[in-house]
Each structure stands twice: as structure tokens, then as C-alpha cells.
């Protein structure tokens, strides 16, 4: 998560940040993206995550390869599931 998420608490604080900056929050929403029915994109995230862990020295090359192989194995037998939650806010500054 450290290598892919810039601020894991941003959406929790965003409404207050918008108000402090003089905006009125009109709408906030969350959206989910899943690996179903095609896990191709999520597999790229597994690969990137494994590479980040490897380059940070948190795992070795064998573990990085094993994570990638296992993700593909699970996708091949329809047992891979990934979910990314996106959030957005629409705000305006009062006239």
C-alpha cells in the first residue's frame, strides 16, 4: 500500500479540507472496481506490488515470483478476486 497509495486517509478528511478552503461539498461518492470477470488489470497490480516489496527489501525474489504465480493460478481457476475502492467529491466555492 505504501508504494501505491499516496494518502490512505484523504477521503475521510476531504469534506473538512474543502470547507477549510472555502468550498461547499456538494456530493461525495465511492465506486468499486473488481477483478471480475477479467482479472488482467488486477494481476498487473499484484505484479507491481510484488516488485515494490522486492525493491524495498521486504521480500526476496522467490516470494515475489510466488505471489505473481499464485495470482495467475487463482485467476486461471476463477478463484481470484480483487477490489479497488475509488472515491470522489464534487464541491463549489460560494459566490
N, C-alpha and C. Protein backbone atom coordinates (compact mmCIF):
# COMPACT_ATOMS: atom_id res chain seq x y z
N UNK A 1 0.83 -1.19 0.00
CA UNK A 1 0.00 0.00 0.00
C UNK A 1 0.87 1.25 0.00
N UNK A 2 2.01 1.19 0.70
CA UNK A 2 2.87 2.37 0.78
C UNK A 2 3.35 2.83 -0.59
N UNK A 3 3.54 1.90 -1.52
CA UNK A 3 4.05 2.25 -2.83
C UNK A 3 2.99 2.66 -3.83
N UNK A 4 1.71 2.47 -3.49
CA UNK A 4 0.64 2.75 -4.46
C UNK A 4 -0.39 3.76 -3.97
N UNK A 5 -0.47 3.97 -2.67
CA UNK A 5 -1.49 4.88 -2.12
C UNK A 5 -0.78 6.10 -1.55
N UNK A 6 -1.16 7.27 -2.02
CA UNK A 6 -0.49 8.50 -1.58
C UNK A 6 -0.96 8.96 -0.21
N UNK A 7 -2.24 8.83 0.06
CA UNK A 7 -2.80 9.26 1.34
C UNK A 7 -4.02 8.40 1.64
N UNK A 8 -3.86 7.39 2.46
CA UNK A 8 -4.96 6.45 2.71
C UNK A 8 -6.11 7.07 3.49
N UNK A 9 -5.91 8.23 4.08
CA UNK A 9 -6.98 8.86 4.87
C UNK A 9 -7.56 10.09 4.19
N UNK A 10 -7.20 10.35 2.95
CA UNK A 10 -7.65 11.56 2.25
C UNK A 10 -9.16 11.69 2.21
N UNK A 11 -9.86 10.68 1.79
CA UNK A 11 -11.31 10.81 1.64
C UNK A 11 -12.01 11.00 2.98
N UNK A 12 -11.44 10.48 4.03
CA UNK A 12 -12.03 10.68 5.35
C UNK A 12 -11.95 12.15 5.75
N UNK A 13 -10.89 12.83 5.33
CA UNK A 13 -10.66 14.23 5.71
C UNK A 13 -11.12 15.24 4.66
N UNK A 14 -11.49 14.77 3.47
CA UNK A 14 -11.70 15.67 2.36
C UNK A 14 -12.80 16.70 2.59
N UNK A 15 -13.92 16.33 3.14
CA UNK A 15 -15.00 17.30 3.37
C UNK A 15 -14.53 18.45 4.26
N UNK A 16 -13.83 18.13 5.34
CA UNK A 16 -13.32 19.17 6.22
C UNK A 16 -12.28 20.02 5.51
N UNK A 17 -11.43 19.41 4.70
CA UNK A 17 -10.42 20.16 3.95
C UNK A 17 -11.09 21.12 2.96
N UNK A 18 -12.14 20.66 2.31
CA UNK A 18 -12.85 21.52 1.36
C UNK A 18 -13.50 22.70 2.08
N UNK A 19 -14.14 22.44 3.22
CA UNK A 19 -14.76 23.53 3.99
C UNK A 19 -13.70 24.54 4.44
N UNK A 20 -12.57 24.07 4.94
CA UNK A 20 -11.49 24.95 5.38
C UNK A 20 -10.98 25.82 4.24
N UNK A 21 -10.97 25.28 3.03
CA UNK A 21 -10.51 26.03 1.85
C UNK A 21 -11.60 26.91 1.26
N UNK A 22 -12.78 26.94 1.90
CA UNK A 22 -13.84 27.82 1.44
C UNK A 22 -14.82 27.19 0.45
N UNK A 23 -14.78 25.90 0.30
CA UNK A 23 -15.69 25.22 -0.60
C UNK A 23 -16.86 24.62 0.16
N UNK A 24 -17.92 24.39 -0.57
CA UNK A 24 -19.05 23.64 -0.04
C UNK A 24 -19.05 22.29 -0.75
N UNK A 25 -19.01 21.24 0.02
CA UNK A 25 -19.05 19.90 -0.58
C UNK A 25 -20.48 19.61 -1.02
N UNK A 26 -20.66 19.38 -2.27
CA UNK A 26 -21.99 19.11 -2.79
C UNK A 26 -22.30 17.62 -2.84
N UNK A 27 -21.28 16.84 -3.13
CA UNK A 27 -21.55 15.42 -3.31
C UNK A 27 -20.26 14.62 -3.14
N UNK A 28 -20.36 13.50 -2.47
CA UNK A 28 -19.23 12.58 -2.43
C UNK A 28 -19.77 11.19 -2.72
N UNK A 29 -18.96 10.41 -3.41
CA UNK A 29 -19.37 9.08 -3.82
C UNK A 29 -18.19 8.13 -3.73
N UNK A 30 -18.50 6.86 -3.65
CA UNK A 30 -17.46 5.85 -3.77
C UNK A 30 -17.85 4.90 -4.89
N UNK A 31 -16.85 4.34 -5.50
CA UNK A 31 -17.03 3.45 -6.64
C UNK A 31 -16.14 2.23 -6.41
N UNK A 32 -16.63 1.09 -6.78
CA UNK A 32 -15.83 -0.12 -6.66
C UNK A 32 -15.43 -0.64 -8.03
N UNK A 33 -14.20 -1.09 -8.14
CA UNK A 33 -13.72 -1.75 -9.36
C UNK A 33 -13.29 -3.15 -8.93
N UNK A 34 -13.85 -4.16 -9.58
CA UNK A 34 -13.50 -5.53 -9.22
C UNK A 34 -12.77 -6.21 -10.36
N UNK A 35 -12.14 -7.31 -10.02
CA UNK A 35 -11.40 -8.09 -11.00
C UNK A 35 -12.31 -8.97 -11.84
N UNK A 36 -13.57 -8.97 -11.54
CA UNK A 36 -14.50 -9.83 -12.27
C UNK A 36 -15.07 -9.11 -13.49
N UNK A 37 -15.24 -9.71 -14.62
CA UNK A 37 -14.91 -11.10 -14.93
C UNK A 37 -13.47 -11.29 -15.42
N UNK A 38 -12.74 -10.21 -15.62
CA UNK A 38 -11.38 -10.30 -16.18
C UNK A 38 -10.38 -9.74 -15.18
N UNK A 39 -9.46 -10.58 -14.73
CA UNK A 39 -8.50 -10.18 -13.69
C UNK A 39 -7.24 -9.54 -14.25
N UNK A 40 -7.17 -9.28 -15.54
CA UNK A 40 -5.93 -8.79 -16.16
C UNK A 40 -5.37 -7.55 -15.46
N UNK A 41 -6.19 -6.54 -15.24
CA UNK A 41 -5.71 -5.31 -14.61
C UNK A 41 -5.24 -5.58 -13.18
N UNK A 42 -6.02 -6.35 -12.44
CA UNK A 42 -5.66 -6.63 -11.05
C UNK A 42 -4.35 -7.42 -10.96
N UNK A 43 -4.11 -8.29 -11.93
CA UNK A 43 -2.86 -9.04 -11.95
C UNK A 43 -1.68 -8.08 -12.10
N UNK A 44 -1.86 -7.01 -12.89
CA UNK A 44 -0.77 -6.04 -13.01
C UNK A 44 -0.50 -5.37 -11.67
N UNK A 45 -1.54 -5.18 -10.86
CA UNK A 45 -1.34 -4.58 -9.53
C UNK A 45 -0.62 -5.55 -8.60
N UNK A 46 -0.93 -6.83 -8.70
CA UNK A 46 -0.19 -7.82 -7.91
C UNK A 46 1.28 -7.79 -8.31
N UNK A 47 1.53 -7.75 -9.61
CA UNK A 47 2.92 -7.69 -10.09
C UNK A 47 3.64 -6.44 -9.58
N UNK A 48 2.99 -5.30 -9.68
CA UNK A 48 3.60 -4.05 -9.20
C UNK A 48 3.83 -4.10 -7.71
N UNK A 49 2.86 -4.62 -6.96
CA UNK A 49 3.02 -4.72 -5.52
C UNK A 49 4.16 -5.64 -5.13
N UNK A 50 4.26 -6.79 -5.81
CA UNK A 50 5.36 -7.72 -5.53
C UNK A 50 6.70 -7.06 -5.85
N UNK A 51 6.77 -6.35 -6.96
CA UNK A 51 8.01 -5.67 -7.33
C UNK A 51 8.37 -4.57 -6.33
N UNK A 52 7.38 -3.84 -5.85
CA UNK A 52 7.64 -2.80 -4.85
C UNK A 52 8.19 -3.42 -3.56
N UNK A 53 7.57 -4.52 -3.12
CA UNK A 53 8.05 -5.19 -1.91
C UNK A 53 9.47 -5.72 -2.10
N UNK A 54 9.73 -6.28 -3.28
CA UNK A 54 11.07 -6.79 -3.58
C UNK A 54 12.10 -5.67 -3.57
N UNK A 55 11.79 -4.58 -4.27
CA UNK A 55 12.74 -3.46 -4.36
C UNK A 55 12.95 -2.76 -3.03
N UNK A 56 11.97 -2.86 -2.14
CA UNK A 56 12.11 -2.26 -0.81
C UNK A 56 12.85 -3.21 0.14
N UNK A 57 13.17 -4.40 -0.32
CA UNK A 57 13.87 -5.36 0.52
C UNK A 57 13.00 -6.07 1.53
N UNK A 58 11.67 -5.99 1.35
CA UNK A 58 10.76 -6.60 2.31
C UNK A 58 10.51 -8.08 2.02
N UNK A 59 10.70 -8.48 0.76
CA UNK A 59 10.62 -9.89 0.38
C UNK A 59 11.76 -10.18 -0.59
N UNK A 60 12.03 -11.46 -0.78
CA UNK A 60 13.07 -11.86 -1.72
C UNK A 60 12.49 -12.17 -3.09
N UNK A 61 13.36 -12.44 -4.05
CA UNK A 61 12.91 -12.75 -5.41
C UNK A 61 11.99 -13.97 -5.49
N UNK A 62 12.25 -14.99 -4.68
CA UNK A 62 11.40 -16.18 -4.70
C UNK A 62 9.98 -15.87 -4.28
N UNK A 63 9.83 -15.06 -3.23
CA UNK A 63 8.50 -14.69 -2.76
C UNK A 63 7.79 -13.81 -3.79
N UNK A 64 8.51 -12.88 -4.39
CA UNK A 64 7.91 -12.02 -5.42
C UNK A 64 7.38 -12.86 -6.57
N UNK A 65 8.17 -13.81 -7.03
CA UNK A 65 7.73 -14.69 -8.11
C UNK A 65 6.54 -15.53 -7.67
N UNK A 66 6.58 -16.03 -6.44
CA UNK A 66 5.49 -16.87 -5.94
C UNK A 66 4.18 -16.10 -5.87
N UNK A 67 4.22 -14.85 -5.45
CA UNK A 67 3.00 -14.03 -5.41
C UNK A 67 2.40 -13.87 -6.80
N UNK A 68 3.25 -13.62 -7.77
CA UNK A 68 2.79 -13.44 -9.15
C UNK A 68 2.21 -14.74 -9.72
N UNK A 69 2.90 -15.84 -9.48
CA UNK A 69 2.44 -17.14 -9.98
C UNK A 69 1.11 -17.51 -9.33
N UNK A 70 1.00 -17.31 -8.03
CA UNK A 70 -0.23 -17.68 -7.32
C UNK A 70 -1.42 -16.84 -7.79
N UNK A 71 -1.21 -15.56 -8.04
CA UNK A 71 -2.31 -14.72 -8.53
C UNK A 71 -2.81 -15.24 -9.87
N UNK A 72 -1.89 -15.61 -10.74
CA UNK A 72 -2.28 -16.14 -12.05
C UNK A 72 -2.97 -17.49 -11.93
N UNK A 73 -2.47 -18.33 -11.02
CA UNK A 73 -3.11 -19.63 -10.80
C UNK A 73 -4.55 -19.45 -10.36
N UNK A 74 -4.75 -18.55 -9.41
CA UNK A 74 -6.11 -18.31 -8.92
C UNK A 74 -7.00 -17.75 -10.02
N UNK A 75 -6.47 -16.84 -10.83
CA UNK A 75 -7.26 -16.29 -11.94
C UNK A 75 -7.64 -17.39 -12.93
N UNK A 76 -6.71 -18.29 -13.19
CA UNK A 76 -6.97 -19.37 -14.15
C UNK A 76 -8.07 -20.31 -13.71
N UNK A 77 -8.25 -20.46 -12.39
CA UNK A 77 -9.30 -21.37 -11.89
C UNK A 77 -10.49 -20.59 -11.30
N UNK A 78 -10.60 -19.32 -11.67
CA UNK A 78 -11.70 -18.46 -11.21
C UNK A 78 -11.81 -18.35 -9.70
N UNK A 79 -10.66 -18.27 -9.03
CA UNK A 79 -10.64 -18.06 -7.58
C UNK A 79 -9.86 -16.79 -7.19
N UNK A 80 -9.69 -15.90 -8.14
CA UNK A 80 -9.01 -14.64 -7.87
C UNK A 80 -10.07 -13.56 -7.74
N UNK A 81 -9.95 -12.76 -6.70
CA UNK A 81 -10.87 -11.63 -6.54
C UNK A 81 -10.08 -10.44 -6.05
N UNK A 82 -10.23 -9.33 -6.71
CA UNK A 82 -9.61 -8.10 -6.28
C UNK A 82 -10.63 -6.97 -6.30
N UNK A 83 -10.47 -6.02 -5.43
CA UNK A 83 -11.39 -4.89 -5.35
C UNK A 83 -10.59 -3.63 -5.05
N UNK A 84 -10.88 -2.59 -5.80
CA UNK A 84 -10.31 -1.27 -5.53
C UNK A 84 -11.49 -0.33 -5.31
N UNK A 85 -11.43 0.44 -4.26
CA UNK A 85 -12.48 1.42 -4.00
C UNK A 85 -11.93 2.80 -4.33
N UNK A 86 -12.66 3.49 -5.17
CA UNK A 86 -12.32 4.86 -5.54
C UNK A 86 -13.36 5.78 -4.90
N UNK A 87 -12.96 6.97 -4.58
CA UNK A 87 -13.90 7.94 -4.01
C UNK A 87 -13.70 9.28 -4.74
N UNK A 88 -14.79 10.04 -4.79
CA UNK A 88 -14.71 11.35 -5.43
C UNK A 88 -15.57 12.34 -4.63
N UNK A 89 -15.24 13.59 -4.81
CA UNK A 89 -16.03 14.66 -4.20
C UNK A 89 -16.19 15.77 -5.22
N UNK A 90 -17.39 16.33 -5.26
CA UNK A 90 -17.66 17.49 -6.11
C UNK A 90 -18.00 18.62 -5.17
N UNK A 91 -17.34 19.75 -5.35
CA UNK A 91 -17.56 20.89 -4.45
C UNK A 91 -17.55 22.18 -5.26
N UNK A 92 -18.07 23.22 -4.66
CA UNK A 92 -18.03 24.53 -5.31
C UNK A 92 -17.71 25.59 -4.27
N UNK A 93 -17.15 26.67 -4.75
CA UNK A 93 -16.87 27.80 -3.87
C UNK A 93 -18.07 28.75 -3.98
N UNK A 94 -18.68 29.12 -2.86
CA UNK A 94 -19.82 30.03 -2.91
C UNK A 94 -19.45 31.36 -3.57
N UNK A 95 -20.40 31.93 -4.28
CA UNK A 95 -20.15 33.21 -4.96
C UNK A 95 -20.07 34.36 -4.01
